[in-house]
Amino acid sequence: MRLQFKQQKFQADAAKAILDVFVGQPYLTPTYMMDRGINYQQNLTDDEDFMGWRNEPAVPELTDKVMLERLKEFHPLLTLPP
């Protein structure tokens, strides 16, 4: 059995709406080395096995208030917790 997926406009619109919340955040792919632990034994694939990726902190311009206002553009009932 082979799965076939359709491109559906409402899914693309939802993905774009979420991405629009983060407009202004630079696209970076920072990497770091994960802790190998105390029982580490080196093998040939270590450089790949212990490489990780992380999210960059939001730029100062992307405050909670700014992101909430952008979220409200497609869901007006959203509010920040007290």
Protein backbone atom coordinates (compact mmCIF):
# COMPACT_ATOMS: atom_id res chain seq x y z
CA MET A 1 0.00 0.00 0.00
CA ARG A 2 1.32 3.39 -0.94
CA LEU A 3 0.13 6.56 0.78
CA GLN A 4 -0.68 9.54 -1.40
CA PHE A 5 -1.08 12.99 0.08
CA LYS A 6 -2.79 15.95 -1.49
CA GLN A 7 -1.59 19.51 -1.22
CA GLN A 8 -4.47 21.24 0.55
CA LYS A 9 -4.73 25.02 0.65
CA PHE A 10 -5.98 25.18 4.24
CA GLN A 11 -2.88 23.29 5.40
CA ALA A 12 -0.55 25.59 3.50
CA ASP A 13 -2.40 28.63 4.86
CA ALA A 14 -2.07 27.35 8.43
CA ALA A 15 1.66 26.73 8.03
CA LYS A 16 2.18 30.19 6.55
CA ALA A 17 0.21 31.82 9.38
CA ILE A 18 2.50 30.22 11.95
CA LEU A 19 5.62 31.22 10.05
CA ASP A 20 4.30 34.80 9.82
CA VAL A 21 4.35 35.01 13.63
CA PHE A 22 8.15 34.74 13.52
CA VAL A 23 8.85 37.26 10.74
CA GLY A 24 12.11 39.01 11.59
CA GLN A 25 13.73 36.00 13.25
CA PRO A 26 16.84 35.11 11.24
CA TYR A 27 17.11 31.58 9.88
CA LEU A 28 20.16 29.97 11.44
CA THR A 29 21.22 26.37 11.84
CA PRO A 30 23.50 26.46 14.88
CA THR A 31 25.05 23.18 15.89
CA TYR A 32 26.76 21.94 19.01
CA MET A 33 28.46 18.80 20.27
CA MET A 34 26.40 16.73 22.69
CA ASP A 35 27.98 15.43 25.90
CA ARG A 36 29.43 11.99 25.22
CA GLY A 37 29.20 10.89 28.85
CA ILE A 38 31.72 9.18 31.08
CA ASN A 39 31.53 5.75 29.39
CA TYR A 40 32.51 7.14 25.98
CA GLN A 41 34.25 4.84 23.50
CA GLN A 42 35.14 6.46 20.17
CA ASN A 43 33.95 4.92 16.90
CA LEU A 44 33.95 6.03 13.25
CA THR A 45 30.56 7.79 13.28
CA ASP A 46 31.05 9.85 16.46
CA ASP A 47 31.14 13.22 14.73
CA GLU A 48 27.65 12.61 13.32
CA ASP A 49 26.20 10.75 16.30
CA PHE A 50 26.98 13.50 18.79
CA MET A 51 26.09 16.54 16.66
CA GLY A 52 22.93 18.38 17.67
CA TRP A 53 20.90 21.39 16.56
CA ARG A 54 19.21 24.00 18.69
CA ASN A 55 16.78 26.86 18.28
CA GLU A 56 18.19 30.35 18.48
CA PRO A 57 16.62 32.65 21.08
CA ALA A 58 14.05 35.01 19.62
CA VAL A 59 15.42 38.39 18.59
CA PRO A 60 14.52 41.20 21.03
CA GLU A 61 11.98 42.65 18.59
CA LEU A 62 9.89 39.47 18.85
CA THR A 63 8.40 40.06 22.27
CA ASP A 64 5.50 38.01 23.62
CA LYS A 65 3.23 40.97 22.89
CA VAL A 66 4.32 41.21 19.24
CA MET A 67 3.93 37.48 18.68
CA LEU A 68 0.51 37.48 20.39
CA GLU A 69 -0.70 40.31 18.16
CA ARG A 70 0.44 38.37 15.11
CA LEU A 71 -1.30 35.24 16.39
CA LYS A 72 -4.51 37.20 16.93
CA GLU A 73 -4.56 38.03 13.23
CA PHE A 74 -5.73 34.48 12.53
CA HIS A 75 -7.20 33.56 15.95
CA PRO A 76 -8.72 36.62 17.66
CA LEU A 77 -9.58 34.85 20.96
CA LEU A 78 -5.98 34.18 22.00
CA THR A 79 -4.72 35.90 25.17
CA LEU A 80 -1.56 35.79 27.25
CA PRO A 81 -1.76 34.12 30.67
CA PRO A 82 -1.50 36.55 33.63
